[in-house]
Amino acid sequence: MLKPRSRSIFVAVTVLAVIWLGAFVGYKITENAKVTPDKVRTFTASTDFSRLSAAERKAALRKLAAMLNALSLEERQSMRLDRTAYRWFEQMTEQEKGEFLEATLPTGFKQMLGAFENLPPEKRKRVVDQALKQMKNAREKLAAGGPSPPPGTNSVALSAELQDKVTKIGLQSFYSQSSAQTKAEMAPLLEEMQRTMESGRMMRGP
């Protein structure tokens, strides 16, 4: 039979072991639940979207949107640049495309559109130029770490004509008039523009 002191030590050690075990189990559960780019790729690659029922398609799109929203901006950009984010896009109905794009808009995106409208044309152009530069750097970084994304895939190199249109009529008007396909292709650029504007770098003069 354990002495009182030994019993107290035994109980303390047992409680400590249980606490550590609980913490370890909790960590593993959290780690397994964490969304990663590889998990998103596995999900989209393992799901045959064209064979899903209407209810299953809706659930799959809702899950994909939630997974994308759980990623960091850099991870989300890589998903778009290598087409993972829009793997099923061509198979979606117009309504599904609209709902999916709305569900994956970054927080504060609509406020960014309004803020861009209030900028003078020269600052609008600087924001667009800086965002395109950052996208080019991200694309080169992605290519350096593995196979380059397919040519023309979400690279979003706005023509001079389109850049002029965006800076003159404003992004909100341009975005509202665009098709779902154009909005999807512009998503990486728009996120970069939002990050540029939120950083304030382009708002402090030349």
N, C-alpha and C. Protein backbone atom coordinates (compact mmCIF):
# COMPACT_ATOMS: atom_id res chain seq x y z
N MET A 1 0.84 -1.20 0.00
CA MET A 1 0.00 0.00 0.00
C MET A 1 0.88 1.25 0.00
N LEU A 2 0.56 2.23 -0.88
CA LEU A 2 1.38 3.43 -0.99
C LEU A 2 1.22 4.32 0.23
N LYS A 3 2.34 4.91 0.64
CA LYS A 3 2.31 5.88 1.71
C LYS A 3 1.66 7.17 1.21
N PRO A 4 1.13 7.98 2.13
CA PRO A 4 0.47 9.23 1.70
C PRO A 4 1.32 10.08 0.78
N ARG A 5 2.61 10.24 1.10
CA ARG A 5 3.49 11.07 0.27
C ARG A 5 3.67 10.45 -1.11
N SER A 6 3.90 9.12 -1.13
CA SER A 6 4.08 8.43 -2.41
C SER A 6 2.81 8.49 -3.25
N ARG A 7 1.66 8.35 -2.54
CA ARG A 7 0.39 8.41 -3.25
C ARG A 7 0.19 9.78 -3.88
N SER A 8 0.56 10.84 -3.19
CA SER A 8 0.42 12.20 -3.72
C SER A 8 1.29 12.40 -4.95
N ILE A 9 2.53 11.87 -4.87
CA ILE A 9 3.43 11.99 -6.01
C ILE A 9 2.89 11.22 -7.21
N PHE A 10 2.37 10.02 -6.93
CA PHE A 10 1.82 9.19 -8.00
C PHE A 10 0.63 9.88 -8.68
N VAL A 11 -0.25 10.47 -7.85
CA VAL A 11 -1.42 11.17 -8.39
C VAL A 11 -0.98 12.36 -9.23
N ALA A 12 0.00 13.11 -8.73
CA ALA A 12 0.48 14.30 -9.45
C ALA A 12 1.09 13.90 -10.79
N VAL A 13 1.90 12.84 -10.81
CA VAL A 13 2.52 12.38 -12.04
C VAL A 13 1.45 11.90 -13.02
N THR A 14 0.44 11.18 -12.50
CA THR A 14 -0.64 10.67 -13.35
C THR A 14 -1.43 11.81 -13.98
N VAL A 15 -1.76 12.84 -13.16
CA VAL A 15 -2.50 14.00 -13.67
C VAL A 15 -1.69 14.73 -14.74
N LEU A 16 -0.38 14.89 -14.46
CA LEU A 16 0.49 15.56 -15.42
C LEU A 16 0.55 14.80 -16.73
N ALA A 17 0.64 13.46 -16.62
CA ALA A 17 0.69 12.62 -17.83
C ALA A 17 -0.61 12.76 -18.64
N VAL A 18 -1.74 12.79 -17.93
CA VAL A 18 -3.03 12.93 -18.60
C VAL A 18 -3.13 14.28 -19.31
N ILE A 19 -2.64 15.32 -18.64
CA ILE A 19 -2.66 16.67 -19.24
C ILE A 19 -1.81 16.70 -20.51
N TRP A 20 -0.59 16.14 -20.42
CA TRP A 20 0.29 16.12 -21.58
C TRP A 20 -0.30 15.29 -22.71
N LEU A 21 -0.92 14.17 -22.36
CA LEU A 21 -1.54 13.32 -23.37
C LEU A 21 -2.69 14.07 -24.05
N GLY A 22 -3.49 14.77 -23.24
CA GLY A 22 -4.60 15.54 -23.80
C GLY A 22 -4.11 16.64 -24.72
N ALA A 23 -3.02 17.30 -24.31
CA ALA A 23 -2.45 18.37 -25.13
C ALA A 23 -1.92 17.81 -26.45
N PHE A 24 -1.28 16.65 -26.39
CA PHE A 24 -0.73 16.03 -27.59
C PHE A 24 -1.85 15.61 -28.55
N VAL A 25 -2.90 15.01 -28.00
CA VAL A 25 -4.04 14.59 -28.82
C VAL A 25 -4.70 15.81 -29.46
N GLY A 26 -4.85 16.88 -28.66
CA GLY A 26 -5.44 18.11 -29.19
C GLY A 26 -4.61 18.70 -30.30
N TYR A 27 -3.28 18.67 -30.12
CA TYR A 27 -2.37 19.19 -31.16
C TYR A 27 -2.51 18.40 -32.45
N LYS A 28 -2.55 17.05 -32.32
CA LYS A 28 -2.65 16.21 -33.51
C LYS A 28 -3.98 16.42 -34.23
N ILE A 29 -5.06 16.60 -33.46
CA ILE A 29 -6.37 16.85 -34.06
C ILE A 29 -6.35 18.18 -34.82
N THR A 30 -5.76 19.21 -34.18
CA THR A 30 -5.67 20.53 -34.82
C THR A 30 -4.80 20.46 -36.07
N GLU A 31 -3.69 19.72 -35.96
CA GLU A 31 -2.77 19.60 -37.09
C GLU A 31 -3.45 18.91 -38.27
N ASN A 32 -4.21 17.86 -37.97
CA ASN A 32 -4.90 17.12 -39.03
C ASN A 32 -6.03 17.93 -39.64
N ALA A 33 -6.63 18.83 -38.82
CA ALA A 33 -7.74 19.63 -39.31
C ALA A 33 -7.29 20.84 -40.09
N LYS A 34 -6.02 21.23 -39.96
CA LYS A 34 -5.51 22.42 -40.63
C LYS A 34 -5.53 22.25 -42.14
N VAL A 35 -6.03 23.26 -42.81
CA VAL A 35 -6.10 23.23 -44.28
C VAL A 35 -4.74 23.60 -44.86
N THR A 36 -4.27 22.81 -45.81
CA THR A 36 -3.01 23.09 -46.50
C THR A 36 -3.25 23.05 -48.00
N PRO A 37 -2.36 23.66 -48.79
CA PRO A 37 -2.50 23.58 -50.25
C PRO A 37 -2.58 22.14 -50.75
N ASP A 38 -1.79 21.24 -50.16
CA ASP A 38 -1.81 19.85 -50.60
C ASP A 38 -3.17 19.20 -50.35
N LYS A 39 -3.81 19.57 -49.23
CA LYS A 39 -5.13 19.02 -48.94
C LYS A 39 -6.16 19.53 -49.95
N VAL A 40 -6.02 20.79 -50.35
CA VAL A 40 -6.94 21.34 -51.34
C VAL A 40 -6.73 20.63 -52.68
N ARG A 41 -5.47 20.42 -53.07
CA ARG A 41 -5.16 19.73 -54.32
C ARG A 41 -5.71 18.31 -54.32
N THR A 42 -5.54 17.63 -53.18
CA THR A 42 -6.04 16.26 -53.06
C THR A 42 -7.56 16.22 -53.18
N PHE A 43 -8.22 17.18 -52.54
CA PHE A 43 -9.69 17.22 -52.57
C PHE A 43 -10.21 17.44 -53.99
N THR A 44 -9.65 18.42 -54.70
CA THR A 44 -10.15 18.72 -56.05
C THR A 44 -9.79 17.60 -57.03
N ALA A 45 -8.62 16.99 -56.85
CA ALA A 45 -8.19 15.93 -57.76
C ALA A 45 -8.97 14.63 -57.55
N SER A 46 -9.42 14.41 -56.32
CA SER A 46 -10.11 13.16 -56.00
C SER A 46 -11.62 13.24 -56.19
N THR A 47 -12.12 14.41 -56.52
CA THR A 47 -13.56 14.61 -56.69
C THR A 47 -13.89 14.82 -58.16
N ASP A 48 -14.72 13.95 -58.71
CA ASP A 48 -15.17 14.10 -60.10
C ASP A 48 -16.41 14.99 -60.07
N PHE A 49 -16.18 16.29 -60.21
CA PHE A 49 -17.28 17.26 -60.07
C PHE A 49 -18.41 17.02 -61.06
N SER A 50 -18.09 16.56 -62.26
CA SER A 50 -19.09 16.38 -63.31
C SER A 50 -20.08 15.27 -62.98
N ARG A 51 -19.72 14.37 -62.08
CA ARG A 51 -20.59 13.24 -61.75
C ARG A 51 -21.41 13.47 -60.48
N LEU A 52 -21.25 14.62 -59.87
CA LEU A 52 -21.98 14.90 -58.63
C LEU A 52 -23.40 15.35 -58.92
N SER A 53 -24.30 15.04 -57.97
CA SER A 53 -25.67 15.54 -58.06
C SER A 53 -25.68 17.02 -57.72
N ALA A 54 -26.81 17.68 -57.93
CA ALA A 54 -26.91 19.11 -57.66
C ALA A 54 -26.57 19.42 -56.19
N ALA A 55 -27.11 18.60 -55.28
CA ALA A 55 -26.84 18.82 -53.84
C ALA A 55 -25.38 18.56 -53.52
N GLU A 56 -24.79 17.53 -54.14
CA GLU A 56 -23.39 17.21 -53.89
C GLU A 56 -22.46 18.29 -54.46
N ARG A 57 -22.84 18.84 -55.62
CA ARG A 57 -22.04 19.92 -56.20
C ARG A 57 -22.03 21.13 -55.28
N LYS A 58 -23.18 21.46 -54.75
CA LYS A 58 -23.29 22.61 -53.85
C LYS A 58 -22.43 22.40 -52.61
N ALA A 59 -22.47 21.18 -52.06
CA ALA A 59 -21.69 20.87 -50.86
C ALA A 59 -20.19 20.90 -51.18
N ALA A 60 -19.82 20.36 -52.34
CA ALA A 60 -18.40 20.33 -52.73
C ALA A 60 -17.86 21.75 -52.94
N LEU A 61 -18.65 22.60 -53.57
CA LEU A 61 -18.22 23.98 -53.80
C LEU A 61 -18.12 24.75 -52.49
N ARG A 62 -19.06 24.48 -51.58
CA ARG A 62 -19.02 25.13 -50.27
C ARG A 62 -17.76 24.70 -49.51
N LYS A 63 -17.43 23.42 -49.59
CA LYS A 63 -16.23 22.92 -48.91
C LYS A 63 -14.97 23.51 -49.53
N LEU A 64 -14.91 23.55 -50.88
CA LEU A 64 -13.74 24.11 -51.55
C LEU A 64 -13.55 25.58 -51.19
N ALA A 65 -14.64 26.33 -51.17
CA ALA A 65 -14.57 27.75 -50.82
C ALA A 65 -14.05 27.92 -49.40
N ALA A 66 -14.55 27.10 -48.47
CA ALA A 66 -14.12 27.19 -47.07
C ALA A 66 -12.63 26.85 -46.95
N MET A 67 -12.18 25.86 -47.70
CA MET A 67 -10.77 25.47 -47.66
C MET A 67 -9.88 26.59 -48.21
N LEU A 68 -10.29 27.19 -49.31
CA LEU A 68 -9.52 28.29 -49.89
C LEU A 68 -9.47 29.48 -48.95
N ASN A 69 -10.58 29.78 -48.31
CA ASN A 69 -10.64 30.92 -47.39
C ASN A 69 -9.79 30.69 -46.14
N ALA A 70 -9.49 29.42 -45.82
CA ALA A 70 -8.68 29.12 -44.64
C ALA A 70 -7.18 29.25 -44.91
N LEU A 71 -6.80 29.40 -46.18
CA LEU A 71 -5.40 29.52 -46.55
C LEU A 71 -4.91 30.95 -46.40
N SER A 72 -3.61 31.12 -46.35
CA SER A 72 -3.02 32.46 -46.36
C SER A 72 -3.14 33.03 -47.78
N LEU A 73 -2.89 34.33 -47.92
CA LEU A 73 -2.97 34.96 -49.24
C LEU A 73 -1.99 34.29 -50.21
N GLU A 74 -0.76 34.05 -49.76
CA GLU A 74 0.24 33.44 -50.63
C GLU A 74 -0.18 32.04 -51.07
N GLU A 75 -0.73 31.28 -50.14
CA GLU A 75 -1.19 29.92 -50.48
C GLU A 75 -2.36 29.96 -51.45
N ARG A 76 -3.27 30.92 -51.22
CA ARG A 76 -4.43 31.05 -52.11
C ARG A 76 -3.98 31.44 -53.51
N GLN A 77 -3.00 32.33 -53.59
CA GLN A 77 -2.47 32.75 -54.89
C GLN A 77 -1.89 31.56 -55.64
N SER A 78 -1.15 30.71 -54.94
CA SER A 78 -0.55 29.54 -55.59
C SER A 78 -1.64 28.60 -56.09
N MET A 79 -2.74 28.50 -55.34
CA MET A 79 -3.85 27.66 -55.77
C MET A 79 -4.48 28.17 -57.06
N ARG A 80 -4.49 29.50 -57.20
CA ARG A 80 -5.07 30.09 -58.40
C ARG A 80 -4.11 30.03 -59.58
N LEU A 81 -2.83 30.25 -59.28
CA LEU A 81 -1.84 30.24 -60.36
C LEU A 81 -1.68 28.87 -60.98
N ASP A 82 -1.83 27.81 -60.18
CA ASP A 82 -1.68 26.47 -60.77
C ASP A 82 -3.03 25.83 -61.12
N ARG A 83 -4.08 26.65 -61.07
CA ARG A 83 -5.43 26.27 -61.50
C ARG A 83 -6.19 25.39 -60.50
N THR A 84 -5.60 25.07 -59.35
CA THR A 84 -6.31 24.23 -58.39
C THR A 84 -7.62 24.86 -57.94
N ALA A 85 -7.60 26.16 -57.69
CA ALA A 85 -8.80 26.84 -57.19
C ALA A 85 -9.95 26.79 -58.19
N TYR A 86 -9.62 26.69 -59.47
CA TYR A 86 -10.67 26.72 -60.50
C TYR A 86 -10.68 25.45 -61.33
N ARG A 87 -10.28 24.34 -60.72
CA ARG A 87 -10.24 23.06 -61.42
C ARG A 87 -11.60 22.68 -62.00
N TRP A 88 -12.67 23.04 -61.27
CA TRP A 88 -14.02 22.66 -61.71
C TRP A 88 -14.75 23.81 -62.42
N PHE A 89 -14.08 24.94 -62.58
CA PHE A 89 -14.78 26.16 -63.00
C PHE A 89 -15.53 25.99 -64.32
N GLU A 90 -14.89 25.35 -65.31
CA GLU A 90 -15.52 25.20 -66.62
C GLU A 90 -16.76 24.32 -66.56
N GLN A 91 -16.87 23.50 -65.52
CA GLN A 91 -18.02 22.59 -65.38
C GLN A 91 -19.15 23.21 -64.57
N MET A 92 -18.92 24.39 -64.00
CA MET A 92 -19.95 25.04 -63.18
C MET A 92 -20.99 25.73 -64.06
N THR A 93 -22.19 25.84 -63.52
CA THR A 93 -23.20 26.67 -64.16
C THR A 93 -22.86 28.13 -63.86
N GLU A 94 -23.50 29.04 -64.57
CA GLU A 94 -23.24 30.46 -64.33
C GLU A 94 -23.59 30.85 -62.89
N GLN A 95 -24.68 30.27 -62.38
CA GLN A 95 -25.07 30.57 -61.00
C GLN A 95 -24.03 30.04 -60.02
N GLU A 96 -23.52 28.82 -60.28
CA GLU A 96 -22.50 28.25 -59.41
C GLU A 96 -21.22 29.09 -59.44
N LYS A 97 -20.86 29.56 -60.62
CA LYS A 97 -19.67 30.40 -60.74
C LYS A 97 -19.82 31.67 -59.91
N GLY A 98 -20.98 32.31 -60.04
CA GLY A 98 -21.22 33.54 -59.30
C GLY A 98 -21.17 33.32 -57.79
N GLU A 99 -21.81 32.25 -57.33
CA GLU A 99 -21.84 31.96 -55.89
C GLU A 99 -20.45 31.60 -55.37
N PHE A 100 -19.69 30.85 -56.17
CA PHE A 100 -18.35 30.45 -55.76
C PHE A 100 -17.43 31.66 -55.67
N LEU A 101 -17.51 32.54 -56.67
CA LEU A 101 -16.67 33.75 -56.64
C LEU A 101 -17.03 34.64 -55.46
N GLU A 102 -18.32 34.76 -55.19
CA GLU A 102 -18.77 35.58 -54.06
C GLU A 102 -18.27 35.00 -52.74
N ALA A 103 -18.30 33.65 -52.64
CA ALA A 103 -17.89 32.98 -51.40
C ALA A 103 -16.40 33.06 -51.15
N THR A 104 -15.61 33.24 -52.21
CA THR A 104 -14.15 33.26 -52.05
C THR A 104 -13.55 34.67 -52.13
N LEU A 105 -14.40 35.69 -52.16
CA LEU A 105 -13.88 37.05 -52.13
C LEU A 105 -13.20 37.31 -50.80
N PRO A 106 -12.03 37.93 -50.81
CA PRO A 106 -11.34 38.21 -49.54
C PRO A 106 -12.11 39.21 -48.69
N THR A 107 -11.93 39.13 -47.39
CA THR A 107 -12.57 40.07 -46.47
C THR A 107 -12.16 41.51 -46.82
N GLY A 108 -13.12 42.38 -46.89
CA GLY A 108 -12.84 43.78 -47.19
C GLY A 108 -12.71 44.08 -48.66
N PHE A 109 -13.00 43.08 -49.51
CA PHE A 109 -12.81 43.28 -50.95
C PHE A 109 -13.71 44.38 -51.50
N LYS A 110 -14.97 44.36 -51.11
CA LYS A 110 -15.91 45.36 -51.62
C LYS A 110 -15.53 46.77 -51.16
N GLN A 111 -15.00 46.87 -49.94
CA GLN A 111 -14.55 48.17 -49.47
C GLN A 111 -13.35 48.65 -50.30
N MET A 112 -12.51 47.69 -50.71
CA MET A 112 -11.37 48.03 -51.55
C MET A 112 -11.83 48.57 -52.89
N LEU A 113 -12.86 47.96 -53.46
CA LEU A 113 -13.38 48.45 -54.74
C LEU A 113 -13.83 49.91 -54.61
N GLY A 114 -14.54 50.20 -53.51
CA GLY A 114 -15.01 51.56 -53.29
C GLY A 114 -13.86 52.52 -53.07
N ALA A 115 -12.84 52.07 -52.32
CA ALA A 115 -11.68 52.94 -52.07
C ALA A 115 -10.92 53.22 -53.35
N PHE A 116 -10.83 52.21 -54.23
CA PHE A 116 -10.14 52.39 -55.50
C PHE A 116 -10.86 53.42 -56.36
N GLU A 117 -12.19 53.42 -56.30
CA GLU A 117 -12.99 54.38 -57.06
C GLU A 117 -12.66 55.81 -56.66
N ASN A 118 -12.32 56.01 -55.38
CA ASN A 118 -12.06 57.35 -54.87
C ASN A 118 -10.65 57.86 -55.14
N LEU A 119 -9.79 57.00 -55.69
CA LEU A 119 -8.43 57.42 -55.99
C LEU A 119 -8.37 58.18 -57.31
N PRO A 120 -7.48 59.13 -57.44
CA PRO A 120 -7.28 59.79 -58.74
C PRO A 120 -6.65 58.80 -59.72
N PRO A 121 -6.85 59.00 -61.03
CA PRO A 121 -6.34 58.06 -62.04
C PRO A 121 -4.87 57.69 -61.90
N GLU A 122 -4.02 58.65 -61.55
CA GLU A 122 -2.59 58.34 -61.47
C GLU A 122 -2.28 57.35 -60.34
N LYS A 123 -3.02 57.47 -59.21
CA LYS A 123 -2.80 56.54 -58.12
C LYS A 123 -3.43 55.18 -58.43
N ARG A 124 -4.54 55.17 -59.17
CA ARG A 124 -5.12 53.90 -59.59
C ARG A 124 -4.10 53.13 -60.43
N LYS A 125 -3.45 53.84 -61.35
CA LYS A 125 -2.48 53.19 -62.22
C LYS A 125 -1.31 52.63 -61.42
N ARG A 126 -0.86 53.37 -60.41
CA ARG A 126 0.24 52.90 -59.59
C ARG A 126 -0.13 51.63 -58.82
N VAL A 127 -1.37 51.58 -58.33
CA VAL A 127 -1.83 50.39 -57.61
C VAL A 127 -1.83 49.19 -58.54
N VAL A 128 -2.38 49.37 -59.76
CA VAL A 128 -2.44 48.28 -60.74
C VAL A 128 -1.03 47.82 -61.10
N ASP A 129 -0.14 48.77 -61.37
CA ASP A 129 1.24 48.44 -61.76
C ASP A 129 1.95 47.66 -60.66
N GLN A 130 1.79 48.11 -59.42
CA GLN A 130 2.45 47.44 -58.31
C GLN A 130 1.89 46.03 -58.12
N ALA A 131 0.57 45.87 -58.24
CA ALA A 131 -0.05 44.55 -58.08
C ALA A 131 0.42 43.59 -59.16
N LEU A 132 0.52 44.08 -60.40
CA LEU A 132 1.01 43.24 -61.51
C LEU A 132 2.45 42.82 -61.27
N LYS A 133 3.25 43.74 -60.74
CA LYS A 133 4.65 43.43 -60.45
C LYS A 133 4.75 42.34 -59.38
N GLN A 134 3.94 42.47 -58.33
CA GLN A 134 3.95 41.48 -57.26
C GLN A 134 3.47 40.12 -57.77
N MET A 135 2.49 40.13 -58.66
CA MET A 135 2.00 38.87 -59.24
C MET A 135 3.09 38.20 -60.07
N LYS A 136 3.81 39.00 -60.84
CA LYS A 136 4.89 38.47 -61.67
C LYS A 136 5.96 37.82 -60.79
N ASN A 137 6.28 38.48 -59.67
CA ASN A 137 7.26 37.92 -58.75
C ASN A 137 6.76 36.61 -58.15
N ALA A 138 5.46 36.57 -57.80
CA ALA A 138 4.89 35.36 -57.21
C ALA A 138 4.90 34.22 -58.21
N ARG A 139 4.60 34.53 -59.46
CA ARG A 139 4.59 33.51 -60.51
C ARG A 139 5.99 32.95 -60.73
N GLU A 140 7.00 33.83 -60.74
CA GLU A 140 8.38 33.39 -60.94
C GLU A 140 8.85 32.54 -59.76
N LYS A 141 8.42 32.93 -58.55
CA LYS A 141 8.77 32.17 -57.35
C LYS A 141 8.15 30.79 -57.41
N LEU A 142 6.89 30.71 -57.85
CA LEU A 142 6.20 29.43 -57.96
C LEU A 142 6.88 28.55 -58.99
N ALA A 143 7.27 29.14 -60.12
CA ALA A 143 7.94 28.38 -61.18
C ALA A 143 9.30 27.87 -60.72
N ALA A 144 9.99 28.67 -59.89
CA ALA A 144 11.31 28.27 -59.40
C ALA A 144 11.22 27.09 -58.45
N GLY A 145 10.06 26.94 -57.79
CA GLY A 145 9.90 25.85 -56.83
C GLY A 145 9.33 24.60 -57.43
N GLY A 146 9.04 24.60 -58.73
CA GLY A 146 8.46 23.43 -59.37
C GLY A 146 8.07 23.75 -60.79
N PRO A 147 7.24 22.91 -61.40
CA PRO A 147 6.82 23.13 -62.79
C PRO A 147 6.08 24.46 -62.93
N SER A 148 6.35 25.17 -64.00
CA SER A 148 5.69 26.44 -64.25
C SER A 148 4.23 26.23 -64.57
N PRO A 149 3.33 27.11 -64.08
CA PRO A 149 1.92 26.99 -64.40
C PRO A 149 1.72 27.05 -65.92
N PRO A 150 0.66 26.44 -66.42
CA PRO A 150 0.42 26.46 -67.86
C PRO A 150 0.37 27.88 -68.40
N PRO A 151 0.90 28.13 -69.60
CA PRO A 151 0.88 29.47 -70.19
C PRO A 151 -0.53 30.03 -70.24
N GLY A 152 -0.67 31.29 -69.85
CA GLY A 152 -1.97 31.95 -69.92
C GLY A 152 -2.91 31.60 -68.79
N THR A 153 -2.45 30.79 -67.84
CA THR A 153 -3.31 30.36 -66.74
C THR A 153 -3.23 31.33 -65.58
N ASN A 154 -4.27 32.13 -65.42
CA ASN A 154 -4.35 33.07 -64.30
C ASN A 154 -3.12 33.95 -64.16
N SER A 155 -2.45 34.23 -65.28
CA SER A 155 -1.29 35.09 -65.18
C SER A 155 -1.70 36.56 -65.09
N VAL A 156 -2.86 36.88 -65.66
CA VAL A 156 -3.45 38.20 -65.60
C VAL A 156 -2.47 39.30 -65.96
N ALA A 157 -2.11 39.35 -67.20
CA ALA A 157 -1.30 40.47 -67.70
C ALA A 157 -2.25 41.40 -68.45
N LEU A 158 -2.76 42.39 -67.75
CA LEU A 158 -3.73 43.29 -68.36
C LEU A 158 -3.10 44.04 -69.53
N SER A 159 -3.82 44.10 -70.62
CA SER A 159 -3.33 44.88 -71.75
C SER A 159 -3.33 46.35 -71.38
N ALA A 160 -2.59 47.12 -72.14
CA ALA A 160 -2.54 48.57 -71.87
C ALA A 160 -3.93 49.18 -71.98
N GLU A 161 -4.71 48.64 -72.91
CA GLU A 161 -6.08 49.16 -73.10
C GLU A 161 -6.94 48.90 -71.87
N LEU A 162 -6.85 47.66 -71.33
CA LEU A 162 -7.65 47.33 -70.16
C LEU A 162 -7.17 48.10 -68.93
N GLN A 163 -5.86 48.24 -68.79
CA GLN A 163 -5.33 49.02 -67.67
C GLN A 163 -5.83 50.46 -67.74
N ASP A 164 -5.87 51.00 -68.93
CA ASP A 164 -6.37 52.36 -69.11
C ASP A 164 -7.84 52.45 -68.73
N LYS A 165 -8.59 51.41 -69.10
CA LYS A 165 -10.02 51.39 -68.80
C LYS A 165 -10.25 51.31 -67.29
N VAL A 166 -9.48 50.45 -66.61
CA VAL A 166 -9.62 50.29 -65.16
C VAL A 166 -9.29 51.59 -64.44
N THR A 167 -8.22 52.26 -64.87
CA THR A 167 -7.81 53.49 -64.19
C THR A 167 -8.77 54.66 -64.46
N LYS A 168 -9.43 54.62 -65.61
CA LYS A 168 -10.33 55.73 -65.96
C LYS A 168 -11.74 55.55 -65.45
N ILE A 169 -12.34 54.36 -65.66
CA ILE A 169 -13.73 54.17 -65.23
C ILE A 169 -13.82 53.63 -63.81
N GLY A 170 -12.69 53.14 -63.27
CA GLY A 170 -12.71 52.61 -61.91
C GLY A 170 -12.90 51.10 -61.90
N LEU A 171 -12.36 50.46 -60.88
CA LEU A 171 -12.40 49.01 -60.79
C LEU A 171 -13.79 48.47 -60.52
N GLN A 172 -14.57 49.20 -59.75
CA GLN A 172 -15.91 48.73 -59.39
C GLN A 172 -16.78 48.59 -60.64
N SER A 173 -16.73 49.59 -61.51
CA SER A 173 -17.52 49.53 -62.74
C SER A 173 -16.99 48.43 -63.65
N PHE A 174 -15.68 48.33 -63.76
CA PHE A 174 -15.07 47.31 -64.61
C PHE A 174 -15.43 45.92 -64.10
N TYR A 175 -15.35 45.72 -62.79
CA TYR A 175 -15.62 44.41 -62.21
C TYR A 175 -17.09 44.02 -62.38
N SER A 176 -17.98 44.96 -62.15
CA SER A 176 -19.41 44.66 -62.25
C SER A 176 -19.82 44.31 -63.67
N GLN A 177 -19.09 44.81 -64.66
CA GLN A 177 -19.42 44.55 -66.06
C GLN A 177 -18.74 43.29 -66.60
N SER A 178 -17.84 42.70 -65.82
CA SER A 178 -17.06 41.56 -66.29
C SER A 178 -17.83 40.25 -66.15
N SER A 179 -17.46 39.27 -66.99
CA SER A 179 -18.06 37.94 -66.92
C SER A 179 -17.46 37.19 -65.74
N ALA A 180 -18.10 36.06 -65.38
CA ALA A 180 -17.58 35.24 -64.28
C ALA A 180 -16.17 34.74 -64.60
N GLN A 181 -15.92 34.39 -65.86
CA GLN A 181 -14.60 33.90 -66.25
C GLN A 181 -13.54 34.99 -66.06
N THR A 182 -13.87 36.22 -66.46
CA THR A 182 -12.92 37.32 -66.29
C THR A 182 -12.67 37.60 -64.82
N LYS A 183 -13.73 37.55 -64.02
CA LYS A 183 -13.57 37.77 -62.58
C LYS A 183 -12.66 36.71 -61.97
N ALA A 184 -12.82 35.46 -62.40
CA ALA A 184 -11.98 34.38 -61.88
C ALA A 184 -10.53 34.60 -62.27
N GLU A 185 -10.30 35.00 -63.50
CA GLU A 185 -8.94 35.23 -63.98
C GLU A 185 -8.29 36.44 -63.30
N MET A 186 -9.12 37.40 -62.90
CA MET A 186 -8.60 38.60 -62.26
C MET A 186 -8.42 38.46 -60.76
N ALA A 187 -8.92 37.36 -60.18
CA ALA A 187 -8.89 37.20 -58.73
C ALA A 187 -7.51 37.41 -58.11
N PRO A 188 -6.44 36.79 -58.65
CA PRO A 188 -5.12 37.02 -58.04
C PRO A 188 -4.71 38.49 -58.09
N LEU A 189 -4.99 39.15 -59.22
CA LEU A 189 -4.65 40.56 -59.35
C LEU A 189 -5.40 41.41 -58.34
N LEU A 190 -6.69 41.13 -58.19
CA LEU A 190 -7.51 41.92 -57.27
C LEU A 190 -7.04 41.76 -55.83
N GLU A 191 -6.65 40.54 -55.46
CA GLU A 191 -6.14 40.33 -54.11
C GLU A 191 -4.83 41.09 -53.89
N GLU A 192 -3.98 41.09 -54.91
CA GLU A 192 -2.73 41.84 -54.79
C GLU A 192 -3.00 43.33 -54.69
N MET A 193 -3.98 43.82 -55.45
CA MET A 193 -4.35 45.24 -55.38
C MET A 193 -4.85 45.58 -53.98
N GLN A 194 -5.65 44.68 -53.41
CA GLN A 194 -6.16 44.93 -52.07
C GLN A 194 -5.02 44.99 -51.06
N ARG A 195 -4.08 44.06 -51.17
CA ARG A 195 -2.95 44.05 -50.24
C ARG A 195 -2.11 45.32 -50.40
N THR A 196 -1.92 45.74 -51.66
CA THR A 196 -1.15 46.96 -51.93
C THR A 196 -1.81 48.18 -51.30
N MET A 197 -3.13 48.27 -51.47
CA MET A 197 -3.85 49.42 -50.93
C MET A 197 -3.89 49.40 -49.41
N GLU A 198 -4.04 48.22 -48.82
CA GLU A 198 -4.10 48.12 -47.37
C GLU A 198 -2.76 48.43 -46.72
N SER A 199 -1.67 48.16 -47.46
CA SER A 199 -0.34 48.46 -46.92
C SER A 199 -0.08 49.96 -46.88
N GLY A 200 -0.80 50.70 -47.76
CA GLY A 200 -0.64 52.16 -47.79
C GLY A 200 0.57 52.63 -48.57
N ARG A 201 1.36 51.70 -49.11
CA ARG A 201 2.59 52.11 -49.81
C ARG A 201 2.31 52.99 -51.03
N MET A 202 1.21 52.69 -51.74
CA MET A 202 0.95 53.43 -52.96
C MET A 202 0.16 54.71 -52.69
N MET A 203 -0.21 54.90 -51.43
CA MET A 203 -1.05 56.05 -51.09
C MET A 203 -0.23 57.23 -50.58
N ARG A 204 1.12 57.03 -50.51
CA ARG A 204 1.94 58.06 -49.87
C ARG A 204 2.78 58.84 -50.88
N GLY A 205 2.21 59.13 -51.99
CA GLY A 205 2.93 59.92 -52.98
C GLY A 205 3.79 59.06 -53.88
N PRO A 206 4.53 59.66 -54.82
CA PRO A 206 5.30 58.92 -55.81
C PRO A 206 6.34 58.03 -55.14
